[in-house]
Protein backbone atom coordinates (compact mmCIF):
# COMPACT_ATOMS: atom_id res chain seq x y z
CA UNK A 1 31.53 40.97 7.63
CA UNK A 2 31.75 42.29 4.06
CA UNK A 3 34.02 41.14 1.22
CA UNK A 4 36.07 43.64 -0.78
CA UNK A 5 38.03 43.50 -4.01
CA UNK A 6 41.25 45.48 -3.55
CA UNK A 7 43.30 46.58 -6.58
CA UNK A 8 46.75 47.97 -5.78
CA UNK A 9 48.80 49.47 -8.61
CA UNK A 10 52.51 49.61 -7.86
CA UNK A 11 55.12 51.35 -10.00
CA UNK A 12 58.74 50.24 -10.14
CA UNK A 13 61.50 52.40 -11.58
CA UNK A 14 65.10 51.29 -11.68
CA UNK A 15 68.16 51.23 -13.95
CA UNK A 16 69.56 48.14 -15.66
CA UNK A 17 72.60 47.58 -17.84
CA UNK A 18 71.78 46.06 -21.23
CA UNK A 19 73.03 45.91 -24.81
CA UNK A 20 69.73 47.17 -26.25
CA UNK A 21 66.12 48.07 -25.38
CA UNK A 22 64.91 44.51 -25.91
CA UNK A 23 67.34 43.17 -23.33
CA UNK A 24 66.49 46.01 -20.95
CA UNK A 25 62.78 45.22 -21.30
CA UNK A 26 63.46 41.55 -20.61
CA UNK A 27 65.24 42.55 -17.41
CA UNK A 28 62.14 44.50 -16.42
CA UNK A 29 60.43 41.16 -15.76
CA UNK A 30 62.86 40.74 -12.85
CA UNK A 31 61.04 43.47 -10.91
CA UNK A 32 60.99 41.27 -7.81
CA UNK A 33 64.75 41.85 -7.54
CA UNK A 34 64.04 45.60 -7.21
CA UNK A 35 61.28 45.69 -4.57
CA UNK A 36 63.11 48.53 -2.82
CA UNK A 37 62.23 50.79 -5.77
CA UNK A 38 58.47 50.24 -5.54
CA UNK A 39 55.96 53.01 -5.04
CA UNK A 40 52.21 52.56 -4.61
CA UNK A 41 50.47 54.47 -7.37
CA UNK A 42 46.88 53.87 -6.34
CA UNK A 43 44.56 51.66 -4.30
CA UNK A 44 40.98 50.99 -5.38
CA UNK A 45 38.47 49.25 -3.11
CA UNK A 46 35.13 47.88 -4.23
CA UNK A 47 32.67 45.95 -2.09
CA UNK A 48 31.75 42.57 -3.54
CA UNK A 49 28.04 41.95 -3.44
CA UNK A 50 27.27 38.42 -2.35
CA UNK A 51 24.06 36.93 -3.70
CA UNK A 52 22.09 35.22 -0.96
CA UNK A 53 19.86 32.29 -1.83
CA UNK A 54 16.57 32.93 -0.04
CA UNK A 55 15.87 29.18 0.20
CA UNK A 56 19.05 28.74 2.24
CA UNK A 57 17.99 31.53 4.57
CA UNK A 58 14.66 29.83 5.20
CA UNK A 59 16.34 26.47 5.75
CA UNK A 60 14.51 24.97 2.75
CA UNK A 61 17.10 22.62 1.27
CA UNK A 62 14.69 20.00 -0.07
CA UNK A 63 14.93 19.14 -3.74
CA UNK A 64 11.82 19.68 -5.80
CA UNK A 65 10.65 16.79 -8.06
């Protein structure tokens, strides 16, 4: 079975009430409260290459002096 690195980019867009842009931006960190507004922007998949130690394949686990 292969191993894959999956990168999912999600965009949230919602309205907040704030006194200024700084406060509104701070509220943006509460995105978890607005999961209903999420939209998947993209998904990237890349296979992870696993390096195999040939000594382990041969069963040679002895330490060399």
